[in-house]
Protein backbone atom coordinates (compact mmCIF):
# COMPACT_ATOMS: atom_id res chain seq x y z
CA UNK A 1 23.81 4.00 -10.55
CA UNK A 2 20.69 2.20 -11.77
CA UNK A 3 18.37 0.93 -9.01
CA UNK A 4 19.07 -2.71 -9.86
CA UNK A 5 22.84 -2.35 -9.48
CA UNK A 6 24.11 -1.52 -12.99
CA UNK A 7 24.77 1.86 -14.55
CA UNK A 8 22.15 2.72 -17.14
CA UNK A 9 24.81 3.06 -19.85
CA UNK A 10 25.98 -0.49 -19.17
CA UNK A 11 22.43 -1.81 -19.41
CA UNK A 12 22.19 -0.39 -22.94
CA UNK A 13 25.50 -2.03 -23.85
CA UNK A 14 24.27 -5.39 -22.58
CA UNK A 15 20.95 -5.18 -24.44
CA UNK A 16 20.76 -7.21 -27.67
CA UNK A 17 21.24 -5.23 -30.86
CA UNK A 18 18.28 -4.86 -33.25
CA UNK A 19 19.87 -7.42 -35.58
CA UNK A 20 20.17 -9.93 -32.77
CA UNK A 21 16.63 -9.54 -31.45
CA UNK A 22 14.87 -11.63 -34.13
CA UNK A 23 17.28 -14.50 -33.50
CA UNK A 24 16.67 -14.31 -29.77
CA UNK A 25 12.93 -14.24 -30.30
CA UNK A 26 13.11 -17.31 -32.51
CA UNK A 27 14.92 -19.26 -29.83
CA UNK A 28 12.30 -18.68 -27.13
CA UNK A 29 8.68 -19.61 -26.96
CA UNK A 30 6.03 -17.13 -25.91
CA UNK A 31 5.94 -16.37 -22.20
CA UNK A 32 3.90 -18.98 -20.33
CA UNK A 33 0.74 -17.99 -18.55
CA UNK A 34 1.25 -16.90 -14.96
CA UNK A 35 1.01 -19.79 -12.52
CA UNK A 36 -2.11 -19.62 -10.34
CA UNK A 37 -1.44 -19.15 -6.60
CA UNK A 38 -2.84 -22.55 -5.62
CA UNK A 39 -0.66 -24.32 -8.18
CA UNK A 40 2.41 -22.37 -7.08
CA UNK A 41 1.88 -23.37 -3.45
CA UNK A 42 1.32 -26.99 -4.48
CA UNK A 43 4.65 -27.01 -6.33
CA UNK A 44 6.44 -25.64 -3.27
CA UNK A 45 4.79 -28.18 -0.99
CA UNK A 46 5.70 -31.05 -3.30
CA UNK A 47 9.30 -29.87 -3.53
CA UNK A 48 9.64 -29.59 0.23
CA UNK A 49 8.19 -33.07 0.64
CA UNK A 50 10.93 -34.35 -1.68
CA UNK A 51 13.51 -32.72 0.60
CA UNK A 52 12.00 -34.23 3.74
CA UNK A 53 11.79 -37.70 2.18
CA UNK A 54 15.32 -37.54 0.75
CA UNK A 55 14.10 -37.76 -2.84
CA UNK A 56 15.41 -34.50 -4.25
CA UNK A 57 15.24 -34.15 -8.03
CA UNK A 58 17.43 -31.03 -8.48
CA UNK A 59 15.25 -29.94 -11.43
CA UNK A 60 15.99 -27.26 -14.02
CA UNK A 61 19.73 -27.21 -13.54
CA UNK A 62 21.28 -28.54 -16.76
CA UNK A 63 23.04 -26.40 -19.36
CA UNK A 64 20.21 -26.53 -21.88
CA UNK A 65 17.68 -25.29 -19.33
CA UNK A 66 19.99 -22.48 -18.21
CA UNK A 67 20.53 -21.44 -21.82
CA UNK A 68 16.79 -21.09 -22.24
CA UNK A 69 16.74 -18.51 -19.46
CA UNK A 70 19.19 -16.11 -21.10
CA UNK A 71 16.49 -14.05 -22.76
CA UNK A 72 13.79 -14.05 -20.08
CA UNK A 73 12.64 -15.45 -16.75
CA UNK A 74 9.25 -16.72 -15.61
CA UNK A 75 9.44 -17.68 -11.91
CA UNK A 76 6.27 -19.20 -10.51
CA UNK A 77 6.64 -17.88 -6.95
CA UNK A 78 8.35 -15.13 -4.96
CA UNK A 79 9.88 -15.96 -1.59
CA UNK A 80 10.96 -13.49 1.07
CA UNK A 81 13.24 -15.43 3.38
CA UNK A 82 16.00 -15.04 5.94
CA UNK A 83 19.68 -14.68 5.01
CA UNK A 84 20.59 -17.54 7.35
CA UNK A 85 23.01 -19.93 5.59
CA UNK A 86 21.01 -22.92 6.84
CA UNK A 87 17.96 -21.85 4.86
CA UNK A 88 18.79 -22.07 1.11
CA UNK A 89 15.39 -21.42 -0.40
CA UNK A 90 15.72 -23.20 -3.74
CA UNK A 91 17.00 -26.31 -1.95
CA UNK A 92 14.22 -26.28 0.64
CA UNK A 93 11.67 -26.52 -2.16
CA UNK A 94 13.75 -28.58 -4.63
CA UNK A 95 13.53 -25.96 -7.36
CA UNK A 96 16.03 -24.95 -10.01
CA UNK A 97 17.26 -22.04 -12.08
CA UNK A 98 14.50 -19.57 -12.96
CA UNK A 99 11.82 -21.20 -10.79
CA UNK A 100 11.80 -18.82 -7.82
CA UNK A 101 12.24 -15.07 -7.41
CA UNK A 102 14.08 -14.90 -4.09
CA UNK A 103 14.65 -12.03 -1.66
CA UNK A 104 16.74 -12.79 1.43
CA UNK A 105 17.33 -10.49 4.38
CA UNK A 106 18.09 -11.20 8.03
CA UNK A 107 14.81 -11.74 9.86
CA UNK A 108 12.79 -11.83 6.60
CA UNK A 109 11.67 -8.25 7.22
CA UNK A 110 9.52 -6.50 4.62
CA UNK A 111 10.81 -2.96 4.24
CA UNK A 112 11.23 -0.64 1.23
CA UNK A 113 13.88 -2.62 -0.68
CA UNK A 114 12.12 -5.94 -0.12
CA UNK A 115 8.75 -4.45 -1.07
CA UNK A 116 10.21 -3.00 -4.25
CA UNK A 117 11.67 -6.35 -5.26
CA UNK A 118 8.40 -8.18 -4.62
CA UNK A 119 6.37 -5.54 -6.44
CA UNK A 120 8.77 -5.87 -9.38
CA UNK A 121 8.16 -9.62 -9.53
CA UNK A 122 4.40 -9.08 -9.48
CA UNK A 123 4.26 -6.23 -11.99
CA UNK A 124 6.98 -7.23 -14.44
CA UNK A 125 7.32 -11.01 -14.11
CA UNK A 126 3.69 -11.91 -13.48
CA UNK A 127 4.30 -13.74 -10.19
CA UNK A 128 1.04 -14.31 -8.34
CA UNK A 129 2.19 -16.21 -5.24
CA UNK A 130 4.35 -14.67 -2.52
CA UNK A 131 5.65 -16.63 0.46
CA UNK A 132 7.20 -15.13 3.57
CA UNK A 133 9.38 -17.87 5.04
CA UNK A 134 10.81 -17.63 8.54
CA UNK A 135 12.74 -20.37 10.28
CA UNK A 136 13.05 -21.82 13.76
CA UNK A 137 15.91 -20.51 15.94
CA UNK A 138 16.20 -17.33 13.87
CA UNK A 139 19.12 -15.29 15.19
CA UNK A 140 17.65 -11.96 14.12
CA UNK A 141 14.36 -12.65 15.90
CA UNK A 142 16.21 -13.88 19.00
CA UNK A 143 18.27 -10.68 19.01
CA UNK A 144 15.13 -8.56 18.69
CA UNK A 145 13.76 -10.25 21.80
CA UNK A 146 16.73 -9.01 23.85
CA UNK A 147 16.50 -5.80 25.86
CA UNK A 148 17.54 -2.47 24.38
CA UNK A 149 20.53 -2.37 26.72
CA UNK A 150 21.65 -5.81 25.56
CA UNK A 151 21.44 -4.66 21.93
CA UNK A 152 23.27 -1.39 22.53
CA UNK A 153 26.64 -2.86 21.52
CA UNK A 154 25.38 -3.79 18.05
CA UNK A 155 26.18 -1.66 15.00
CA UNK A 156 23.58 1.00 14.23
CA UNK A 157 22.39 -0.70 11.05
CA UNK A 158 21.86 -3.97 12.91
CA UNK A 159 19.86 -2.14 15.56
CA UNK A 160 17.78 -0.55 12.80
CA UNK A 161 17.01 -3.97 11.31
CA UNK A 162 16.04 -5.37 14.72
CA UNK A 163 13.74 -2.39 15.26
CA UNK A 164 11.72 -3.55 12.24
CA UNK A 165 11.12 -6.89 13.98
CA UNK A 166 10.19 -5.48 17.41
CA UNK A 167 6.56 -4.53 16.62
CA UNK A 168 5.77 -8.17 15.86
CA UNK A 169 6.81 -9.18 19.36
CA UNK A 170 4.65 -6.88 21.46
CA UNK A 171 1.74 -9.32 21.68
CA UNK A 172 3.74 -12.30 22.94
CA UNK A 173 2.41 -13.66 26.25
CA UNK A 174 4.52 -13.06 29.34
CA UNK A 175 6.18 -15.94 31.16
CA UNK A 176 7.01 -18.11 28.16
CA UNK A 177 9.98 -20.43 28.34
CA UNK A 178 12.89 -19.10 26.24
CA UNK A 179 12.58 -21.69 23.45
CA UNK A 180 8.80 -21.27 23.22
CA UNK A 181 9.21 -17.50 23.23
CA UNK A 182 11.52 -17.64 20.20
CA UNK A 183 9.22 -20.14 18.49
CA UNK A 184 6.22 -17.85 18.83
CA UNK A 185 8.25 -14.78 17.95
CA UNK A 186 9.38 -16.35 14.67
CA UNK A 187 5.76 -16.99 13.69
CA UNK A 188 4.68 -13.51 14.79
CA UNK A 189 7.45 -11.95 12.71
CA UNK A 190 6.39 -13.90 9.61
CA UNK A 191 2.80 -12.78 10.07
CA UNK A 192 3.92 -9.17 10.42
CA UNK A 193 5.76 -9.31 7.08
CA UNK A 194 2.73 -10.95 5.47
CA UNK A 195 0.54 -8.07 6.70
CA UNK A 196 3.00 -5.50 5.37
CA UNK A 197 3.05 -7.12 1.92
CA UNK A 198 -0.72 -7.50 1.75
CA UNK A 199 -1.08 -3.83 2.63
CA UNK A 200 1.33 -2.60 -0.04
CA UNK A 201 -0.39 0.11 -2.11
CA UNK A 202 0.90 -1.64 -5.23
CA UNK A 203 -0.32 -5.12 -4.25
CA UNK A 204 -3.37 -4.56 -2.04
CA UNK A 205 -6.07 -4.38 -4.71
CA UNK A 206 -4.77 -7.53 -6.40
CA UNK A 207 -4.51 -9.32 -3.04
CA UNK A 208 -8.06 -8.30 -2.12
CA UNK A 209 -9.49 -9.80 -5.31
CA UNK A 210 -7.36 -12.97 -5.04
CA UNK A 211 -5.19 -12.32 -8.07
CA UNK A 212 -2.11 -12.43 -5.80
CA UNK A 213 -1.81 -14.54 -2.66
CA UNK A 214 0.63 -13.74 0.15
CA UNK A 215 1.20 -16.63 2.57
CA UNK A 216 3.46 -17.34 5.54
CA UNK A 217 5.40 -20.40 6.65
CA UNK A 218 8.24 -21.47 8.94
CA UNK A 219 11.10 -23.82 8.09
CA UNK A 220 11.99 -26.39 10.76
CA UNK A 221 15.75 -26.84 10.94
CA UNK A 222 15.50 -30.24 12.65
CA UNK A 223 13.08 -31.89 10.23
CA UNK A 224 13.52 -29.96 6.98
CA UNK A 225 9.76 -29.47 6.89
CA UNK A 226 8.12 -26.19 5.93
CA UNK A 227 5.20 -25.54 8.27
CA UNK A 228 2.53 -23.40 6.64
CA UNK A 229 0.86 -20.88 8.94
CA UNK A 230 -2.88 -20.47 9.21
CA UNK A 231 -4.41 -17.03 9.02
């Protein structure tokens, strides 16, 4: 099985034939220049503001636009977010088909599969802006805050996922009220994933020189607002 989910033989069958390639090339313009990190963040901020204000545009969704994506994709940002059904990433930022390269996993953890996907977007799609997006009242983070005995009934794979979140929670102050504890834990978990991505051997040099930016933010379920985290 090919790493991206299709047998290699099937990938060859799906590839355009040599005779078809010139026609495909004629239908598509040259790949656009990679979007600068500051511009990518500005687009996300503007899209989220449209959500908050109730002025969604639902861009890049018509049949003609989708047809233009058949041969290639050029997303302007990568987002690592939570699998929570209340956090649909394209909708939060009012973006359409082909705009965002999205990875979703419970607790927005950055482990091997997530890293590989993000590195693919950087190396092969030219994406220069990566956002780790957590959200308030995250169930995975709340579960990671529970004691080991309370988590013992969970399936082993769930416990393994929660173990990836635990290191982010060690610096939380004692005596916090439950809601404040979860609030701070969500932010700490986002920052942990940001650190992991910035330290990736594949990305680190490009992050250090500013060619790629990795940022963190939290989505507020009550307001619809994305709150960007400071360093």
